Structure formats: structure tokens, C-alpha cells
């Protein structure tokens, strides 16, 4: 299996977040198209990884690089995908894709439409990061990002009166 596939599954929501934040308002559907396109590709790649791990049940994908080195102690960043993580990749990308598509109509006409899709891409990226984390430090970082992005999405209409 090509080791780029699992990296792309995670990287596409990261890229869609960055592009949406920087220049999303200039794209069709004000950035929603970027997030939806990235998730369609991530979902397809997740299905490919899922299939490849189902064909060979003993196989796992384990990619890792050293991020910080403190002599005896190191902090690694990496990806660990087994059969269960592959199922979760498919579930997270599919549900997130459905939310992105549903939000097209739900958020139509909102003045902060682009910002909403940026937050949604950040949330998706954080969830995928939890699924593919290969150590507790990385899991903690993505767990906190899920919390931050949930806060941003829940409080999205903070200026509206009840």
C-alpha cells in the first residue's frame, strides 16, 4: 500500500481548513465546495485503505517521525491504522461529508457561511487525528482540538438573541 494514502486522508481536511480560512470566500459556494471536495476524496481514500486492510487482516499501517528529541525521551508524530481505525476513518469521513452537504441548505444566506465551513473542516481534521493517533500526546492534542472546534461550532451564532 502506498504510505501517502493515509497521510492524504488526514491532510485534505487540513488543507481545506487552511484554504477556506485564507481565500474561501472567493470560491464557489463561499468555501463549502473546498470542504466537500476534500471530504469526498478523503472518503474514497478511506474506503481504499479499509478495503486493503480487510484483504490482509494482519496488516497495520504505522508511520512515525520524531518530532522532539530530549536525549532519552522523544515525542513522535505518526499514524497508526489497523482494521478498527480503518472502519472509523470511513465512518468519520462519511458522517462529516453528510454534515457538510446538509449544511449547504441549513446555513444558506448566513453572513459567516465561510467561517462555519472552516470550523467544520477543523472539526473533521481533529476527529480524523484522534482516529489515527499513534501515541497519547498526539491523541491529547487532537482531543483538545475537537473541544476547541466544538466550542466554535456550538457558539457559532453567539450574536443572535434567544
N, C-alpha and C. Protein backbone atom coordinates (compact mmCIF):
# COMPACT_ATOMS: atom_id res chain seq x y z
N UNK A 1 0.85 -1.18 0.00
CA UNK A 1 0.00 0.00 0.00
C UNK A 1 0.89 1.24 0.00
N UNK A 2 0.46 2.21 -0.71
CA UNK A 2 1.16 3.48 -0.78
C UNK A 2 1.01 4.22 0.55
N UNK A 3 2.11 4.59 1.22
CA UNK A 3 2.00 5.27 2.51
C UNK A 3 1.44 6.69 2.43
N UNK A 4 1.29 7.21 1.23
CA UNK A 4 0.75 8.56 1.06
C UNK A 4 -0.76 8.58 1.30
N UNK A 5 -1.45 7.48 1.02
CA UNK A 5 -2.91 7.44 1.17
C UNK A 5 -3.38 7.83 2.57
N UNK A 6 -2.86 7.19 3.63
CA UNK A 6 -3.33 7.59 4.97
C UNK A 6 -2.99 9.03 5.32
N UNK A 7 -1.87 9.50 4.84
CA UNK A 7 -1.49 10.90 5.10
C UNK A 7 -2.46 11.84 4.39
N UNK A 8 -2.86 11.50 3.18
CA UNK A 8 -3.80 12.35 2.43
C UNK A 8 -5.18 12.39 3.07
N UNK A 9 -5.60 11.27 3.65
CA UNK A 9 -6.91 11.24 4.32
C UNK A 9 -6.98 12.33 5.38
N UNK A 10 -5.89 12.48 6.13
CA UNK A 10 -5.82 13.50 7.18
C UNK A 10 -5.50 14.88 6.61
N UNK A 11 -4.63 14.92 5.61
CA UNK A 11 -4.14 16.21 5.10
C UNK A 11 -5.20 16.99 4.32
N UNK A 12 -6.12 16.32 3.67
CA UNK A 12 -7.12 17.04 2.87
C UNK A 12 -8.02 17.93 3.72
N UNK A 13 -8.55 17.47 4.87
CA UNK A 13 -9.30 18.41 5.72
C UNK A 13 -8.43 19.55 6.27
N UNK A 14 -7.14 19.26 6.52
CA UNK A 14 -6.24 20.32 6.97
C UNK A 14 -6.10 21.38 5.88
N UNK A 15 -5.89 20.93 4.65
CA UNK A 15 -5.77 21.86 3.52
C UNK A 15 -7.06 22.62 3.27
N UNK A 16 -8.19 21.92 3.37
CA UNK A 16 -9.46 22.62 3.13
C UNK A 16 -9.72 23.66 4.22
N UNK A 17 -9.30 23.38 5.46
CA UNK A 17 -9.42 24.38 6.53
C UNK A 17 -8.58 25.61 6.19
N UNK A 18 -7.32 25.38 5.82
CA UNK A 18 -6.43 26.50 5.52
C UNK A 18 -6.89 27.31 4.32
N UNK A 19 -7.30 26.64 3.26
CA UNK A 19 -7.75 27.35 2.06
C UNK A 19 -9.04 28.11 2.34
N UNK A 20 -9.95 27.49 3.09
CA UNK A 20 -11.22 28.15 3.40
C UNK A 20 -10.99 29.40 4.24
N UNK A 21 -10.09 29.31 5.21
CA UNK A 21 -9.79 30.46 6.06
C UNK A 21 -9.18 31.59 5.23
N UNK A 22 -8.23 31.25 4.37
CA UNK A 22 -7.50 32.29 3.66
C UNK A 22 -8.27 32.88 2.48
N UNK A 23 -8.80 32.02 1.61
CA UNK A 23 -9.42 32.54 0.39
C UNK A 23 -10.76 31.88 0.07
N UNK A 24 -11.39 31.29 1.05
CA UNK A 24 -12.64 30.56 0.82
C UNK A 24 -13.77 31.40 0.28
N UNK A 25 -13.83 32.66 0.66
CA UNK A 25 -14.97 33.50 0.23
C UNK A 25 -14.94 33.79 -1.27
N UNK A 26 -13.80 33.54 -1.93
CA UNK A 26 -13.69 33.78 -3.36
C UNK A 26 -14.06 32.57 -4.20
N UNK A 27 -14.29 31.43 -3.56
CA UNK A 27 -14.62 30.19 -4.27
C UNK A 27 -16.12 30.04 -4.43
N UNK A 28 -16.54 29.14 -5.34
CA UNK A 28 -17.97 28.87 -5.45
C UNK A 28 -18.51 28.35 -4.12
N UNK A 29 -19.70 28.72 -3.78
CA UNK A 29 -20.35 28.35 -2.52
C UNK A 29 -19.58 28.86 -1.31
N UNK A 30 -18.77 29.87 -1.49
CA UNK A 30 -18.04 30.54 -0.40
C UNK A 30 -17.25 29.59 0.48
N UNK A 31 -16.54 28.66 -0.11
CA UNK A 31 -15.68 27.76 0.65
C UNK A 31 -16.27 26.40 0.93
N UNK A 32 -17.56 26.25 0.81
CA UNK A 32 -18.18 24.94 1.06
C UNK A 32 -17.69 23.92 0.04
N UNK A 33 -17.48 24.36 -1.19
CA UNK A 33 -17.03 23.44 -2.24
C UNK A 33 -15.66 22.86 -1.91
N UNK A 34 -14.81 23.64 -1.27
CA UNK A 34 -13.48 23.16 -0.90
C UNK A 34 -13.59 22.04 0.13
N UNK A 35 -14.37 22.27 1.17
CA UNK A 35 -14.54 21.27 2.21
C UNK A 35 -15.20 20.00 1.70
N UNK A 36 -16.22 20.16 0.87
CA UNK A 36 -16.93 19.00 0.34
C UNK A 36 -16.03 18.20 -0.59
N UNK A 37 -15.31 18.87 -1.47
CA UNK A 37 -14.41 18.17 -2.38
C UNK A 37 -13.32 17.42 -1.61
N UNK A 38 -12.73 18.08 -0.62
CA UNK A 38 -11.71 17.42 0.20
C UNK A 38 -12.25 16.20 0.92
N UNK A 39 -13.48 16.29 1.41
CA UNK A 39 -14.07 15.15 2.11
C UNK A 39 -14.47 14.03 1.19
N UNK A 40 -14.91 14.34 -0.01
CA UNK A 40 -15.22 13.28 -0.98
C UNK A 40 -13.96 12.46 -1.26
N UNK A 41 -12.85 13.15 -1.51
CA UNK A 41 -11.59 12.45 -1.77
C UNK A 41 -11.13 11.69 -0.53
N UNK A 42 -11.24 12.30 0.65
CA UNK A 42 -10.86 11.61 1.90
C UNK A 42 -11.71 10.37 2.12
N UNK A 43 -13.00 10.46 1.83
CA UNK A 43 -13.88 9.30 1.99
C UNK A 43 -13.48 8.17 1.04
N UNK A 44 -13.20 8.51 -0.21
CA UNK A 44 -12.79 7.49 -1.18
C UNK A 44 -11.48 6.85 -0.74
N UNK A 45 -10.52 7.66 -0.30
CA UNK A 45 -9.25 7.11 0.17
C UNK A 45 -9.43 6.26 1.42
N UNK A 46 -10.34 6.66 2.30
CA UNK A 46 -10.64 5.86 3.49
C UNK A 46 -11.21 4.50 3.10
N UNK A 47 -12.06 4.49 2.10
CA UNK A 47 -12.62 3.21 1.62
C UNK A 47 -11.53 2.33 1.02
N UNK A 48 -10.58 2.93 0.31
CA UNK A 48 -9.46 2.17 -0.26
C UNK A 48 -8.62 1.56 0.85
N UNK A 49 -8.27 2.36 1.86
CA UNK A 49 -7.49 1.85 3.00
C UNK A 49 -8.26 0.77 3.73
N UNK A 50 -9.55 0.98 3.95
CA UNK A 50 -10.39 -0.02 4.61
C UNK A 50 -10.36 -1.34 3.84
N UNK A 51 -10.55 -1.27 2.54
CA UNK A 51 -10.54 -2.48 1.72
C UNK A 51 -9.19 -3.19 1.80
N UNK A 52 -8.10 -2.44 1.70
CA UNK A 52 -6.77 -3.05 1.72
C UNK A 52 -6.48 -3.71 3.06
N UNK A 53 -6.98 -3.14 4.15
CA UNK A 53 -6.76 -3.77 5.46
C UNK A 53 -7.70 -4.94 5.69
N UNK A 54 -8.83 -4.99 5.02
CA UNK A 54 -9.72 -6.15 5.14
C UNK A 54 -9.20 -7.34 4.34
N UNK A 55 -8.51 -7.06 3.24
CA UNK A 55 -7.94 -8.13 2.43
C UNK A 55 -6.83 -8.84 3.20
N UNK A 56 -6.02 -8.09 3.92
CA UNK A 56 -4.93 -8.66 4.73
C UNK A 56 -5.15 -8.25 6.18
N UNK A 57 -5.90 -9.07 6.97
CA UNK A 57 -6.28 -8.69 8.34
C UNK A 57 -5.11 -8.52 9.31
N UNK A 58 -3.95 -9.08 8.99
CA UNK A 58 -2.81 -8.97 9.91
C UNK A 58 -2.03 -7.68 9.70
N UNK A 59 -2.35 -6.96 8.68
CA UNK A 59 -1.59 -5.76 8.32
C UNK A 59 -2.06 -4.54 9.10
N UNK A 60 -1.13 -3.69 9.47
CA UNK A 60 -1.42 -2.37 10.03
C UNK A 60 -0.54 -1.35 9.32
N UNK A 61 -0.96 -0.12 9.36
CA UNK A 61 -0.17 0.97 8.79
C UNK A 61 0.39 1.75 9.97
N UNK A 62 1.69 1.82 10.05
CA UNK A 62 2.35 2.52 11.16
C UNK A 62 3.45 3.40 10.59
N UNK A 63 3.19 4.68 10.52
CA UNK A 63 4.16 5.66 10.05
C UNK A 63 4.49 6.59 11.20
N UNK A 64 5.77 6.87 11.40
CA UNK A 64 6.13 7.71 12.53
C UNK A 64 7.41 8.48 12.24
N UNK A 65 7.46 9.72 12.74
CA UNK A 65 8.68 10.52 12.68
C UNK A 65 8.91 11.13 14.06
N UNK A 66 10.16 11.37 14.38
CA UNK A 66 10.49 12.00 15.66
C UNK A 66 10.29 13.51 15.51
N UNK A 67 9.46 14.05 16.40
CA UNK A 67 9.16 15.47 16.36
C UNK A 67 10.09 16.24 17.30
N UNK A 68 10.18 15.80 18.55
CA UNK A 68 11.07 16.41 19.53
C UNK A 68 11.95 15.34 20.14
N UNK A 69 13.24 15.66 20.32
CA UNK A 69 14.18 14.71 20.89
C UNK A 69 14.84 15.35 22.10
N UNK A 70 14.62 14.74 23.27
CA UNK A 70 15.19 15.24 24.53
C UNK A 70 16.20 14.24 25.08
N UNK A 71 17.08 13.73 24.26
CA UNK A 71 18.03 12.73 24.72
C UNK A 71 17.37 11.37 24.86
N UNK A 72 17.06 11.01 26.11
CA UNK A 72 16.42 9.71 26.36
C UNK A 72 14.96 9.70 25.93
N UNK A 73 14.32 10.85 25.94
CA UNK A 73 12.90 10.93 25.65
C UNK A 73 12.66 11.58 24.29
N UNK A 74 11.73 11.03 23.58
CA UNK A 74 11.36 11.60 22.29
C UNK A 74 9.84 11.69 22.20
N UNK A 75 9.38 12.64 21.42
CA UNK A 75 7.96 12.75 21.12
C UNK A 75 7.82 12.53 19.62
N UNK A 76 7.08 11.49 19.28
CA UNK A 76 6.88 11.14 17.88
C UNK A 76 5.53 11.63 17.39
N UNK A 77 5.45 11.89 16.12
CA UNK A 77 4.19 12.15 15.44
C UNK A 77 4.03 11.05 14.41
N UNK A 78 2.83 10.53 14.32
CA UNK A 78 2.66 9.46 13.36
C UNK A 78 1.23 9.05 13.15
N UNK A 79 1.11 8.01 12.37
CA UNK A 79 -0.19 7.46 12.01
C UNK A 79 -0.17 5.97 12.32
N UNK A 80 -1.23 5.50 12.97
CA UNK A 80 -1.40 4.08 13.22
C UNK A 80 -2.81 3.70 12.79
N UNK A 81 -2.90 2.88 11.77
CA UNK A 81 -4.21 2.46 11.26
C UNK A 81 -4.26 0.94 11.24
N UNK A 82 -5.18 0.40 12.02
CA UNK A 82 -5.48 -1.03 11.98
C UNK A 82 -6.88 -1.19 11.40
N UNK A 83 -7.43 -2.38 11.51
CA UNK A 83 -8.75 -2.61 10.91
C UNK A 83 -9.83 -1.76 11.57
N UNK A 84 -9.77 -1.60 12.89
CA UNK A 84 -10.77 -0.79 13.59
C UNK A 84 -10.64 0.69 13.21
N UNK A 85 -9.41 1.18 13.16
CA UNK A 85 -9.19 2.58 12.77
C UNK A 85 -9.65 2.82 11.34
N UNK A 86 -9.49 1.83 10.48
CA UNK A 86 -9.95 1.96 9.09
C UNK A 86 -11.47 2.10 9.03
N UNK A 87 -12.17 1.32 9.86
CA UNK A 87 -13.63 1.45 9.94
C UNK A 87 -14.00 2.84 10.41
N UNK A 88 -13.32 3.32 11.43
CA UNK A 88 -13.62 4.65 11.98
C UNK A 88 -13.30 5.76 10.97
N UNK A 89 -12.26 5.58 10.16
CA UNK A 89 -11.96 6.57 9.12
C UNK A 89 -13.12 6.68 8.14
N UNK A 90 -13.66 5.54 7.74
CA UNK A 90 -14.80 5.54 6.82
C UNK A 90 -16.00 6.21 7.48
N UNK A 91 -16.27 5.88 8.74
CA UNK A 91 -17.43 6.44 9.44
C UNK A 91 -17.28 7.95 9.61
N UNK A 92 -16.13 8.40 10.07
CA UNK A 92 -15.92 9.84 10.32
C UNK A 92 -16.00 10.63 9.02
N UNK A 93 -15.36 10.14 7.96
CA UNK A 93 -15.41 10.89 6.70
C UNK A 93 -16.81 10.89 6.10
N UNK A 94 -17.53 9.77 6.20
CA UNK A 94 -18.88 9.70 5.65
C UNK A 94 -19.84 10.62 6.41
N UNK A 95 -19.82 10.56 7.74
CA UNK A 95 -20.72 11.41 8.53
C UNK A 95 -20.37 12.88 8.32
N UNK A 96 -19.10 13.19 8.30
CA UNK A 96 -18.69 14.58 8.10
C UNK A 96 -19.08 15.07 6.70
N UNK A 97 -18.96 14.21 5.71
CA UNK A 97 -19.39 14.58 4.36
C UNK A 97 -20.89 14.87 4.34
N UNK A 98 -21.67 14.04 5.01
CA UNK A 98 -23.12 14.27 5.08
C UNK A 98 -23.43 15.59 5.78
N UNK A 99 -22.70 15.90 6.85
CA UNK A 99 -22.92 17.17 7.56
C UNK A 99 -22.55 18.35 6.66
N UNK A 100 -21.45 18.23 5.94
CA UNK A 100 -21.05 19.31 5.02
C UNK A 100 -22.13 19.56 3.96
N UNK A 101 -22.65 18.48 3.40
CA UNK A 101 -23.67 18.63 2.35
C UNK A 101 -24.96 19.18 2.93
N UNK A 102 -25.39 18.66 4.08
CA UNK A 102 -26.62 19.15 4.72
C UNK A 102 -26.50 20.64 5.06
N UNK A 103 -25.32 21.05 5.48
CA UNK A 103 -25.12 22.44 5.90
C UNK A 103 -25.24 23.43 4.75
N UNK A 104 -25.12 22.95 3.52
CA UNK A 104 -25.30 23.86 2.38
C UNK A 104 -26.65 24.55 2.44
N UNK A 105 -27.70 23.79 2.69
CA UNK A 105 -29.03 24.37 2.78
C UNK A 105 -29.31 25.01 4.12
N UNK A 106 -28.81 24.38 5.18
CA UNK A 106 -29.09 24.86 6.53
C UNK A 106 -28.46 26.22 6.79
N UNK A 107 -27.27 26.43 6.27
CA UNK A 107 -26.54 27.68 6.52
C UNK A 107 -26.68 28.69 5.38
N UNK A 108 -27.49 28.37 4.39
CA UNK A 108 -27.64 29.24 3.22
C UNK A 108 -28.06 30.65 3.66
N UNK A 109 -27.34 31.63 3.15
CA UNK A 109 -27.67 33.02 3.44
C UNK A 109 -27.01 33.57 4.70
N UNK A 110 -26.35 32.72 5.47
CA UNK A 110 -25.69 33.21 6.69
C UNK A 110 -24.48 34.04 6.29
N UNK A 111 -24.28 35.15 6.96
CA UNK A 111 -23.18 36.05 6.59
C UNK A 111 -21.81 35.48 6.94
N UNK A 112 -21.76 34.51 7.85
CA UNK A 112 -20.48 33.89 8.24
C UNK A 112 -20.39 32.45 7.71
N UNK A 113 -20.97 32.22 6.55
CA UNK A 113 -21.01 30.91 5.91
C UNK A 113 -19.61 30.31 5.76
N UNK A 114 -18.67 31.09 5.26
CA UNK A 114 -17.30 30.62 5.04
C UNK A 114 -16.64 30.24 6.36
N UNK A 115 -16.85 31.03 7.39
CA UNK A 115 -16.29 30.73 8.71
C UNK A 115 -16.83 29.42 9.25
N UNK A 116 -18.11 29.18 9.05
CA UNK A 116 -18.73 27.93 9.51
C UNK A 116 -18.05 26.73 8.85
N UNK A 117 -17.82 26.80 7.56
CA UNK A 117 -17.19 25.68 6.86
C UNK A 117 -15.73 25.52 7.28
N UNK A 118 -15.05 26.59 7.61
CA UNK A 118 -13.69 26.47 8.13
C UNK A 118 -13.72 25.74 9.47
N UNK A 119 -14.64 26.10 10.36
CA UNK A 119 -14.77 25.42 11.65
C UNK A 119 -15.11 23.94 11.46
N UNK A 120 -15.97 23.66 10.51
CA UNK A 120 -16.38 22.28 10.24
C UNK A 120 -15.20 21.45 9.73
N UNK A 121 -14.37 22.03 8.89
CA UNK A 121 -13.17 21.34 8.41
C UNK A 121 -12.18 21.11 9.55
N UNK A 122 -12.05 22.09 10.44
CA UNK A 122 -11.19 21.92 11.61
C UNK A 122 -11.69 20.78 12.49
N UNK A 123 -12.99 20.70 12.69
CA UNK A 123 -13.58 19.63 13.49
C UNK A 123 -13.31 18.26 12.84
N UNK A 124 -13.50 18.17 11.54
CA UNK A 124 -13.25 16.91 10.83
C UNK A 124 -11.79 16.51 10.94
N UNK A 125 -10.89 17.45 10.74
CA UNK A 125 -9.47 17.17 10.86
C UNK A 125 -9.13 16.67 12.26
N UNK A 126 -9.71 17.27 13.27
CA UNK A 126 -9.45 16.87 14.65
C UNK A 126 -9.96 15.46 14.93
N UNK A 127 -11.14 15.14 14.43
CA UNK A 127 -11.68 13.79 14.61
C UNK A 127 -10.82 12.75 13.91
N UNK A 128 -10.39 13.05 12.70
CA UNK A 128 -9.51 12.11 11.99
C UNK A 128 -8.18 11.97 12.72
N UNK A 129 -7.69 13.05 13.30
CA UNK A 129 -6.46 12.98 14.07
C UNK A 129 -6.57 12.07 15.27
N UNK A 130 -7.72 12.09 15.94
CA UNK A 130 -7.95 11.17 17.07
C UNK A 130 -7.91 9.73 16.58
N UNK A 131 -8.55 9.47 15.46
CA UNK A 131 -8.66 8.10 14.95
C UNK A 131 -7.30 7.52 14.58
N UNK A 132 -6.42 8.33 14.00
CA UNK A 132 -5.14 7.81 13.50
C UNK A 132 -3.96 8.06 14.43
N UNK A 133 -4.19 8.62 15.61
CA UNK A 133 -3.09 8.91 16.54
C UNK A 133 -2.36 7.64 16.92
N UNK A 134 -1.04 7.75 17.01
CA UNK A 134 -0.27 6.57 17.41
C UNK A 134 0.37 6.73 18.79
N UNK A 135 0.06 7.81 19.50
CA UNK A 135 0.56 7.95 20.87
C UNK A 135 -0.39 8.85 21.67
N UNK A 136 -0.22 8.85 22.98
CA UNK A 136 -1.13 9.59 23.85
C UNK A 136 -0.99 11.11 23.71
N UNK A 137 0.23 11.58 23.46
CA UNK A 137 0.42 13.02 23.28
C UNK A 137 -0.38 13.53 22.08
N UNK A 138 -0.27 12.83 20.98
CA UNK A 138 -0.99 13.20 19.77
C UNK A 138 -2.50 13.09 19.99
N UNK A 139 -2.92 12.04 20.67
CA UNK A 139 -4.34 11.86 20.98
C UNK A 139 -4.85 13.04 21.81
N UNK A 140 -4.07 13.47 22.80
CA UNK A 140 -4.45 14.59 23.65
C UNK A 140 -4.58 15.88 22.83
N UNK A 141 -3.62 16.13 21.95
CA UNK A 141 -3.66 17.35 21.13
C UNK A 141 -4.91 17.38 20.27
N UNK A 142 -5.22 16.27 19.62
CA UNK A 142 -6.40 16.24 18.76
C UNK A 142 -7.69 16.26 19.57
N UNK A 143 -7.67 15.67 20.76
CA UNK A 143 -8.85 15.73 21.64
C UNK A 143 -9.14 17.18 22.01
N UNK A 144 -8.11 17.93 22.31
CA UNK A 144 -8.28 19.34 22.64
C UNK A 144 -8.76 20.14 21.43
N UNK A 145 -8.26 19.80 20.25
CA UNK A 145 -8.73 20.47 19.04
C UNK A 145 -10.20 20.17 18.76
N UNK A 146 -10.63 18.95 19.07
CA UNK A 146 -12.06 18.63 18.95
C UNK A 146 -12.86 19.52 19.90
N UNK A 147 -12.35 19.71 21.11
CA UNK A 147 -13.03 20.58 22.07
C UNK A 147 -13.11 22.02 21.59
N UNK A 148 -12.02 22.53 21.07
CA UNK A 148 -12.00 23.91 20.57
C UNK A 148 -12.94 24.08 19.38
N UNK A 149 -12.86 23.15 18.44
CA UNK A 149 -13.72 23.27 17.26
C UNK A 149 -15.19 23.05 17.61
N UNK A 150 -15.47 22.19 18.59
CA UNK A 150 -16.86 22.03 19.05
C UNK A 150 -17.36 23.33 19.68
N UNK A 151 -16.52 23.96 20.47
CA UNK A 151 -16.87 25.24 21.09
C UNK A 151 -17.19 26.28 20.02
N UNK A 152 -16.35 26.33 18.99
CA UNK A 152 -16.57 27.30 17.91
C UNK A 152 -17.86 27.01 17.14
N UNK A 153 -18.15 25.74 16.91
CA UNK A 153 -19.38 25.38 16.19
C UNK A 153 -20.63 25.59 17.04
N UNK A 154 -20.55 25.22 18.31
CA UNK A 154 -21.71 25.38 19.20
C UNK A 154 -22.03 26.86 19.41
N UNK A 155 -20.98 27.67 19.54
CA UNK A 155 -21.19 29.10 19.76
C UNK A 155 -21.19 29.92 18.48
N UNK A 156 -21.43 29.26 17.35
CA UNK A 156 -21.34 29.95 16.06
C UNK A 156 -22.28 31.14 15.97
N UNK A 157 -23.48 31.00 16.45
CA UNK A 157 -24.46 32.09 16.38
C UNK A 157 -24.50 32.86 17.70
N UNK A 158 -23.34 33.19 18.23
CA UNK A 158 -23.26 33.86 19.53
C UNK A 158 -23.92 35.23 19.52
N UNK A 159 -23.98 35.88 18.37
CA UNK A 159 -24.53 37.23 18.33
C UNK A 159 -26.05 37.26 18.23
N UNK A 160 -26.67 36.12 17.99
CA UNK A 160 -28.14 36.08 17.90
C UNK A 160 -28.77 36.11 19.28
N UNK A 161 -29.88 36.78 19.36
CA UNK A 161 -30.62 36.83 20.63
C UNK A 161 -31.54 35.61 20.69
N UNK A 162 -31.69 35.03 21.89
CA UNK A 162 -32.55 33.84 22.01
C UNK A 162 -34.01 34.12 21.78
